[in-house]
Protein backbone atom coordinates (compact mmCIF):
# COMPACT_ATOMS: atom_id res chain seq x y z
CA MET A 1 0.03 0.09 -0.01
CA LYS A 2 1.22 3.50 -0.77
CA LEU A 3 0.04 7.14 -1.08
CA VAL A 4 0.72 8.77 -4.41
CA GLU A 5 -0.54 11.90 -5.88
CA PRO A 6 -3.02 11.25 -8.67
CA THR A 7 -1.90 11.31 -12.13
CA ALA A 8 -3.48 10.50 -15.60
CA GLU A 9 -1.93 7.04 -15.38
CA TYR A 10 -4.73 6.30 -12.64
CA SER A 11 -7.59 7.65 -14.73
CA ARG A 12 -9.45 4.30 -14.94
CA GLN A 13 -9.02 3.65 -11.19
CA ILE A 14 -10.02 7.14 -10.34
CA GLN A 15 -13.26 6.73 -12.48
CA GLU A 16 -13.84 3.42 -10.72
CA TYR A 17 -13.47 4.94 -7.16
CA ARG A 18 -15.95 7.77 -8.21
CA SER A 19 -18.42 5.45 -9.64
CA GLU A 20 -18.58 3.08 -6.46
CA PHE A 21 -19.35 6.23 -4.40
CA ILE A 22 -22.01 7.53 -6.56
CA GLU A 23 -23.69 4.14 -6.87
CA CYS A 24 -23.63 3.72 -3.18
CA GLY A 25 -24.87 7.30 -2.57
CA ASP A 26 -22.13 7.88 -0.11
CA SER A 27 -20.10 11.04 0.53
CA MET A 28 -16.76 11.31 -0.94
CA ASP A 29 -14.84 12.91 1.87
CA GLY A 30 -11.15 13.87 1.15
CA THR A 31 -11.57 13.54 -2.65
CA GLY A 32 -10.99 17.10 -3.63
CA ASP A 33 -14.38 17.57 -5.16
CA LEU A 34 -13.98 14.49 -7.34
CA LYS A 35 -17.81 14.21 -7.37
CA GLN A 36 -18.05 17.18 -9.46
CA PHE A 37 -15.86 15.77 -12.26
CA ASP A 38 -16.63 13.12 -14.91
CA ASP A 39 -13.14 13.63 -16.44
CA PRO A 40 -10.19 12.42 -14.13
CA GLU A 41 -7.71 14.60 -15.94
CA ALA A 42 -9.81 17.77 -15.47
CA TRP A 43 -9.86 16.69 -11.72
CA ILE A 44 -6.18 16.41 -11.62
CA ASP A 45 -5.70 19.91 -13.08
CA TYR A 46 -8.10 21.29 -10.43
CA LEU A 47 -5.95 19.62 -7.71
CA ASN A 48 -2.90 21.09 -9.10
CA LYS A 49 -4.45 24.61 -8.72
CA HIS A 50 -5.25 23.71 -5.09
CA LYS A 51 -1.67 22.51 -4.36
CA ASN A 52 -0.04 25.79 -5.21
CA PRO A 53 -0.47 28.79 -2.83
CA LEU A 54 -0.45 31.20 -5.92
CA THR A 55 -3.32 29.48 -7.76
CA VAL A 56 -5.49 28.06 -4.95
CA PRO A 57 -8.99 29.59 -5.29
CA GLU A 58 -10.04 32.33 -2.90
CA GLY A 59 -11.54 31.04 0.27
CA ARG A 60 -9.55 27.75 0.16
CA VAL A 61 -6.15 26.72 1.48
CA PRO A 62 -3.30 24.94 -0.14
CA SER A 63 -3.73 21.14 -0.12
CA THR A 64 -2.27 17.94 -1.48
CA GLN A 65 -4.48 15.11 -2.69
CA PHE A 66 -3.28 11.59 -2.46
CA ILE A 67 -4.67 8.28 -3.56
CA PHE A 68 -4.09 5.17 -1.43
CA LEU A 69 -2.97 2.46 -3.82
CA ARG A 70 -2.92 -1.31 -3.40
CA GLU A 71 0.28 -1.97 -5.18
CA GLU A 72 -0.31 -5.74 -6.44
CA ASP A 73 -3.55 -4.86 -8.41
CA HIS A 74 -3.20 -0.97 -8.68
CA LYS A 75 -6.55 -0.45 -7.07
CA ILE A 76 -7.33 2.67 -5.41
CA ILE A 77 -8.53 1.77 -1.97
CA GLY A 78 -8.82 5.29 -0.43
CA MET A 79 -8.29 8.94 -0.99
CA ILE A 80 -6.93 11.50 1.46
CA ASP A 81 -6.67 15.31 1.24
CA ILE A 82 -4.11 17.01 3.47
CA ARG A 83 -4.80 20.80 3.97
CA HIS A 84 -1.41 22.53 4.51
CA SER A 85 -3.01 25.29 6.84
CA LEU A 86 -6.41 25.88 8.24
CA ASN A 87 -8.98 28.66 7.48
CA GLU A 88 -11.81 29.44 9.82
CA TYR A 89 -14.07 26.76 8.46
CA LEU A 90 -11.47 24.25 8.61
CA LYS A 91 -10.40 25.20 12.17
CA LYS A 92 -13.93 24.47 13.23
CA TYR A 93 -15.27 21.74 11.07
CA GLY A 94 -12.95 20.23 8.50
CA GLY A 95 -9.22 20.00 9.88
CA HIS A 96 -6.08 19.18 8.30
CA ILE A 97 -7.18 15.86 6.84
CA GLY A 98 -10.21 14.58 4.87
CA TYR A 99 -10.28 10.98 3.80
CA SER A 100 -12.42 8.15 2.54
CA VAL A 101 -12.21 4.33 1.78
CA MET A 102 -14.02 2.87 -1.11
CA PRO A 103 -17.26 1.40 0.21
CA SER A 104 -16.35 -2.29 -1.00
CA GLU A 105 -12.91 -2.07 0.93
CA ARG A 106 -14.15 -0.80 4.34
CA ARG A 107 -13.66 -2.71 7.65
CA LYS A 108 -10.33 -4.10 6.60
CA GLY A 109 -8.11 -1.67 8.60
CA TYR A 110 -7.14 0.60 5.31
CA ALA A 111 -8.31 3.81 7.02
CA SER A 112 -5.85 3.48 9.94
CA GLN A 113 -3.04 2.46 7.63
CA MET A 114 -3.91 5.25 5.26
CA LEU A 115 -4.11 7.86 8.09
CA LYS A 116 -0.71 6.55 9.56
CA THR A 117 1.02 7.22 6.22
CA ALA A 118 -0.65 10.65 5.80
CA LEU A 119 0.56 11.80 9.09
CA LEU A 120 4.17 11.26 7.81
CA LYS A 121 3.27 13.58 4.77
CA CYS A 122 1.92 16.12 7.46
CA LYS A 123 5.29 16.04 9.26
CA GLU A 124 7.00 16.60 5.85
CA LEU A 125 4.66 19.71 5.41
CA ASN A 126 5.81 21.01 8.78
CA ILE A 127 2.29 20.35 10.40
CA ASP A 128 3.11 19.20 13.88
CA LYS A 129 -0.39 19.11 15.45
CA VAL A 130 -2.99 17.76 13.04
CA LEU A 131 -6.73 18.36 13.34
CA ILE A 132 -9.03 15.55 12.09
CA THR A 133 -12.88 15.51 12.48
CA CYS A 134 -15.31 12.77 11.75
CA ALA A 135 -19.18 12.42 11.91
CA ASP A 136 -20.27 11.43 15.30
CA ASP A 137 -21.87 8.30 13.82
CA ASN A 138 -18.88 7.20 11.91
CA THR A 139 -17.30 4.50 14.13
CA GLY A 140 -14.77 3.36 11.50
CA SER A 141 -13.28 6.81 11.04
CA ARG A 142 -13.28 7.42 14.83
CA LYS A 143 -11.46 4.02 15.25
CA ALA A 144 -8.85 5.06 12.65
CA ILE A 145 -8.20 8.42 14.35
CA LEU A 146 -7.94 6.96 17.84
CA ALA A 147 -5.50 4.28 16.47
CA ASN A 148 -3.25 6.98 15.24
CA GLY A 149 -3.08 8.90 18.55
CA GLY A 150 -6.16 11.06 18.15
CA ILE A 151 -7.05 12.89 21.35
CA TYR A 152 -10.89 14.00 21.37
CA GLU A 153 -11.42 17.67 21.90
CA SER A 154 -15.12 18.45 21.21
CA THR A 155 -18.11 17.91 19.13
CA VAL A 156 -19.55 20.57 16.91
CA TYR A 157 -22.64 20.91 14.83
CA GLU A 158 -21.92 21.67 11.12
CA PRO A 159 -25.09 23.43 9.95
CA GLU A 160 -24.60 23.10 6.08
CA GLU A 161 -24.16 19.28 6.24
CA LYS A 162 -26.49 19.08 9.27
CA VAL A 163 -24.03 16.70 11.14
CA PHE A 164 -22.34 16.57 14.36
CA LEU A 165 -18.49 16.33 14.08
CA GLU A 166 -16.06 14.99 16.61
CA ARG A 167 -12.92 17.04 16.67
CA TYR A 168 -9.49 15.14 17.33
CA TRP A 169 -5.96 16.32 17.68
CA ILE A 170 -2.90 14.27 16.82
CA VAL A 171 0.29 15.61 18.09
CA LEU A 172 3.26 14.27 15.77
CA PRO A 173 6.53 13.40 17.46
CA GLU A 174 9.57 15.40 16.89
């Protein structure tokens, strides 16, 4: 398993990932607005604008999108988006990291593994204290966060999505 930035090489897998979420009617957290893009290459261009502080759209923060790839079959198991900093919305609701695991691949420990690898990327980005949130009814995500050292801070209500979010901090070792 490895985290890689999405490229056109993974277009077919990206489409499969997107299709499974749409078919299930599930949210696509941590996918950099993939739901809005039929064309994976257009999505990748969009992500590149978000990665660069000079081209990130107003109201957004620079971020890096990763796909969590199972190397033996090149299947995308999950996606994770790391925000390099926090704006007011992210400070309260979104955190530094958003992620999802393909519905057919859940309950196999991939979220914990993906998050552990992403925390190493956070360290490379000089993020020493990582905020992660999850819906209060998302047991799998909570377990992944706790398995990676998450310390519960509070629960907040996000009015747009109409969901209660648990907020956790992970302090990365020096």
